[in-house]
PDB file of N, CA and C in Angstrom:
ATOM      1  N   MET A   1     -82.948  -9.604 -25.365  1.00  0.00           N
ATOM      2  CA  MET A   1     -82.389 -10.878 -24.975  1.00  0.00           C
ATOM      3  C   MET A   1     -81.524 -11.449 -26.092  1.00  0.00           C
ATOM      4  N   THR A   2     -82.018 -11.369 -27.308  1.00  0.00           N
ATOM      5  CA  THR A   2     -81.269 -11.919 -28.436  1.00  0.00           C
ATOM      6  C   THR A   2     -79.944 -11.194 -28.603  1.00  0.00           C
ATOM      7  N   THR A   3     -79.960  -9.883 -28.456  1.00  0.00           N
ATOM      8  CA  THR A   3     -78.738  -9.093 -28.596  1.00  0.00           C
ATOM      9  C   THR A   3     -77.732  -9.484 -27.520  1.00  0.00           C
ATOM     10  N   TYR A   4     -78.195  -9.617 -26.287  1.00  0.00           N
ATOM     11  CA  TYR A   4     -77.322 -10.031 -25.190  1.00  0.00           C
ATOM     12  C   TYR A   4     -76.716 -11.395 -25.468  1.00  0.00           C
ATOM     13  N   GLN A   5     -77.566 -12.328 -25.891  1.00  0.00           N
ATOM     14  CA  GLN A   5     -77.119 -13.699 -26.137  1.00  0.00           C
ATOM     15  C   GLN A   5     -76.062 -13.744 -27.238  1.00  0.00           C
ATOM     16  N   ARG A   6     -76.296 -13.051 -28.327  1.00  0.00           N
ATOM     17  CA  ARG A   6     -75.336 -13.046 -29.429  1.00  0.00           C
ATOM     18  C   ARG A   6     -74.028 -12.376 -29.037  1.00  0.00           C
ATOM     19  N   ALA A   7     -74.130 -11.240 -28.341  1.00  0.00           N
ATOM     20  CA  ALA A   7     -72.924 -10.525 -27.918  1.00  0.00           C
ATOM     21  C   ALA A   7     -72.111 -11.373 -26.946  1.00  0.00           C
ATOM     22  N   TYR A   8     -72.777 -11.981 -25.982  1.00  0.00           N
ATOM     23  CA  TYR A   8     -72.058 -12.803 -25.014  1.00  0.00           C
ATOM     24  C   TYR A   8     -71.410 -14.004 -25.689  1.00  0.00           C
ATOM     25  N   THR A   9     -72.137 -14.667 -26.582  1.00  0.00           N
ATOM     26  CA  THR A   9     -71.597 -15.831 -27.277  1.00  0.00           C
ATOM     27  C   THR A   9     -70.343 -15.460 -28.054  1.00  0.00           C
ATOM     28  N   PHE A  10     -70.369 -14.337 -28.728  1.00  0.00           N
ATOM     29  CA  PHE A  10     -69.203 -13.889 -29.488  1.00  0.00           C
ATOM     30  C   PHE A  10     -68.049 -13.500 -28.566  1.00  0.00           C
ATOM     31  N   LEU A  11     -68.334 -12.640 -27.596  1.00  0.00           N
ATOM     32  CA  LEU A  11     -67.276 -12.126 -26.732  1.00  0.00           C
ATOM     33  C   LEU A  11     -66.682 -13.186 -25.806  1.00  0.00           C
ATOM     34  N   SER A  12     -67.469 -14.190 -25.433  1.00  0.00           N
ATOM     35  CA  SER A  12     -66.948 -15.231 -24.550  1.00  0.00           C
ATOM     36  C   SER A  12     -65.903 -16.100 -25.247  1.00  0.00           C
ATOM     37  N   GLN A  13     -65.864 -16.058 -26.563  1.00  0.00           N
ATOM     38  CA  GLN A  13     -64.816 -16.766 -27.292  1.00  0.00           C
ATOM     39  C   GLN A  13     -63.487 -16.023 -27.200  1.00  0.00           C
ATOM     40  N   ILE A  14     -63.548 -14.732 -26.907  1.00  0.00           N
ATOM     41  CA  ILE A  14     -62.348 -13.895 -26.833  1.00  0.00           C
ATOM     42  C   ILE A  14     -61.900 -13.691 -25.389  1.00  0.00           C
ATOM     43  N   PHE A  15     -62.858 -13.405 -24.497  1.00  0.00           N
ATOM     44  CA  PHE A  15     -62.558 -13.078 -23.110  1.00  0.00           C
ATOM     45  C   PHE A  15     -63.011 -14.185 -22.176  1.00  0.00           C
ATOM     46  N   ASP A  16     -62.268 -14.357 -21.084  1.00  0.00           N
ATOM     47  CA  ASP A  16     -62.701 -15.247 -20.012  1.00  0.00           C
ATOM     48  C   ASP A  16     -63.277 -14.367 -18.911  1.00  0.00           C
ATOM     49  N   TYR A  17     -64.587 -14.364 -18.796  1.00  0.00           N
ATOM     50  CA  TYR A  17     -65.228 -13.491 -17.822  1.00  0.00           C
ATOM     51  C   TYR A  17     -65.010 -13.955 -16.387  1.00  0.00           C
ATOM     52  N   GLY A  18     -64.863 -15.244 -16.182  1.00  0.00           N
ATOM     53  CA  GLY A  18     -64.656 -15.748 -14.835  1.00  0.00           C
ATOM     54  C   GLY A  18     -65.890 -15.631 -13.958  1.00  0.00           C
ATOM     55  N   ASN A  19     -67.037 -15.404 -14.548  1.00  0.00           N
ATOM     56  CA  ASN A  19     -68.281 -15.229 -13.803  1.00  0.00           C
ATOM     57  C   ASN A  19     -69.331 -16.140 -14.425  1.00  0.00           C
ATOM     58  N   THR A  20     -69.790 -17.112 -13.681  1.00  0.00           N
ATOM     59  CA  THR A  20     -70.755 -18.069 -14.232  1.00  0.00           C
ATOM     60  C   THR A  20     -72.159 -17.482 -14.359  1.00  0.00           C
ATOM     61  N   ASP A  21     -72.425 -16.356 -13.719  1.00  0.00           N
ATOM     62  CA  ASP A  21     -73.752 -15.745 -13.831  1.00  0.00           C
ATOM     63  C   ASP A  21     -74.059 -15.329 -15.270  1.00  0.00           C
ATOM     64  N   PHE A  22     -73.046 -14.852 -15.984  1.00  0.00           N
ATOM     65  CA  PHE A  22     -73.249 -14.485 -17.389  1.00  0.00           C
ATOM     66  C   PHE A  22     -73.625 -15.712 -18.214  1.00  0.00           C
ATOM     67  N   GLU A  23     -72.933 -16.811 -17.969  1.00  0.00           N
ATOM     68  CA  GLU A  23     -73.208 -18.045 -18.702  1.00  0.00           C
ATOM     69  C   GLU A  23     -74.599 -18.579 -18.374  1.00  0.00           C
ATOM     70  N   LYS A  24     -74.965 -18.548 -17.115  1.00  0.00           N
ATOM     71  CA  LYS A  24     -76.294 -19.009 -16.700  1.00  0.00           C
ATOM     72  C   LYS A  24     -77.394 -18.162 -17.346  1.00  0.00           C
ATOM     73  N   ARG A  25     -77.180 -16.853 -17.381  1.00  0.00           N
ATOM     74  CA  ARG A  25     -78.174 -15.957 -17.982  1.00  0.00           C
ATOM     75  C   ARG A  25     -78.327 -16.242 -19.478  1.00  0.00           C
ATOM     76  N   THR A  26     -77.214 -16.495 -20.147  1.00  0.00           N
ATOM     77  CA  THR A  26     -77.263 -16.797 -21.577  1.00  0.00           C
ATOM     78  C   THR A  26     -78.027 -18.085 -21.842  1.00  0.00           C
ATOM     79  N   ILE A  27     -77.776 -19.104 -21.061  1.00  0.00           N
ATOM     80  CA  ILE A  27     -78.488 -20.382 -21.212  1.00  0.00           C
ATOM     81  C   ILE A  27     -79.977 -20.188 -20.935  1.00  0.00           C
ATOM     82  N   PHE A  28     -80.304 -19.436 -19.900  1.00  0.00           N
ATOM     83  CA  PHE A  28     -81.705 -19.169 -19.571  1.00  0.00           C
ATOM     84  C   PHE A  28     -82.409 -18.443 -20.713  1.00  0.00           C
ATOM     85  N   TYR A  29     -81.768 -17.406 -21.253  1.00  0.00           N
ATOM     86  CA  TYR A  29     -82.370 -16.656 -22.357  1.00  0.00           C
ATOM     87  C   TYR A  29     -82.563 -17.527 -23.590  1.00  0.00           C
ATOM     88  N   LYS A  30     -81.607 -18.402 -23.850  1.00  0.00           N
ATOM     89  CA  LYS A  30     -81.715 -19.290 -25.014  1.00  0.00           C
ATOM     90  C   LYS A  30     -82.920 -20.220 -24.860  1.00  0.00           C
ATOM     91  N   GLN A  31     -83.095 -20.777 -23.672  1.00  0.00           N
ATOM     92  CA  GLN A  31     -84.239 -21.654 -23.424  1.00  0.00           C
ATOM     93  C   GLN A  31     -85.551 -20.881 -23.464  1.00  0.00           C
ATOM     94  N   LEU A  32     -85.535 -19.663 -22.921  1.00  0.00           N
ATOM     95  CA  LEU A  32     -86.737 -18.838 -22.917  1.00  0.00           C
ATOM     96  C   LEU A  32     -87.158 -18.472 -24.335  1.00  0.00           C
ATOM     97  N   ARG A  33     -86.197 -18.157 -25.195  1.00  0.00           N
ATOM     98  CA  ARG A  33     -86.517 -17.842 -26.589  1.00  0.00           C
ATOM     99  C   ARG A  33     -87.165 -19.026 -27.283  1.00  0.00           C
ATOM    100  N   ARG A  34     -86.687 -20.228 -27.005  1.00  0.00           N
ATOM    101  CA  ARG A  34     -87.280 -21.425 -27.621  1.00  0.00           C
ATOM    102  C   ARG A  34     -88.723 -21.615 -27.168  1.00  0.00           C
ATOM    103  N   LYS A  35     -88.979 -21.347 -25.898  1.00  0.00           N
ATOM    104  CA  LYS A  35     -90.332 -21.502 -25.362  1.00  0.00           C
ATOM    105  C   LYS A  35     -91.287 -20.444 -25.908  1.00  0.00           C
ATOM    106  N   ASN A  36     -90.773 -19.252 -26.190  1.00  0.00           N
ATOM    107  CA  ASN A  36     -91.618 -18.140 -26.618  1.00  0.00           C
ATOM    108  C   ASN A  36     -91.757 -18.021 -28.122  1.00  0.00           C
ATOM    109  N   THR A  37     -91.274 -18.980 -28.857  1.00  0.00           N
ATOM    110  CA  THR A  37     -91.404 -18.941 -30.309  1.00  0.00           C
ATOM    111  C   THR A  37     -92.845 -19.273 -30.667  1.00  0.00           C
ATOM    112  N   TYR A  38     -93.448 -18.368 -31.412  1.00  0.00           N
ATOM    113  CA  TYR A  38     -94.835 -18.556 -31.806  1.00  0.00           C
ATOM    114  C   TYR A  38     -94.881 -19.272 -33.151  1.00  0.00           C
ATOM    115  N   ARG A  39     -95.798 -20.196 -33.265  1.00  0.00           N
ATOM    116  CA  ARG A  39     -95.972 -20.943 -34.508  1.00  0.00           C
ATOM    117  C   ARG A  39     -97.346 -20.639 -35.078  1.00  0.00           C
ATOM    118  N   GLU A  40     -97.394 -20.473 -36.365  1.00  0.00           N
ATOM    119  CA  GLU A  40     -98.678 -20.271 -37.015  1.00  0.00           C
ATOM    120  C   GLU A  40     -99.229 -21.630 -37.420  1.00  0.00           C
ATOM    121  N   ASP A  41    -100.451 -21.890 -37.009  1.00  0.00           N
ATOM    122  CA  ASP A  41    -101.104 -23.144 -37.385  1.00  0.00           C
ATOM    123  C   ASP A  41    -101.855 -22.930 -38.691  1.00  0.00           C
ATOM    124  N   ASP A  42    -101.746 -23.882 -39.590  1.00  0.00           N
ATOM    125  CA  ASP A  42    -102.457 -23.793 -40.881  1.00  0.00           C
ATOM    126  C   ASP A  42    -103.902 -24.168 -40.749  1.00  0.00           C
TER     127      ASP A  42
END
């Protein structure tokens, strides 16, 4: 997911994909990564 998100973020600055599904997937993955971040409690 991280690789996809980084690649899309970079390439979308160069290319206009014209497909909102890619953008939606990137936003979803970004939110999912935030939710799945594990924290160590002291």
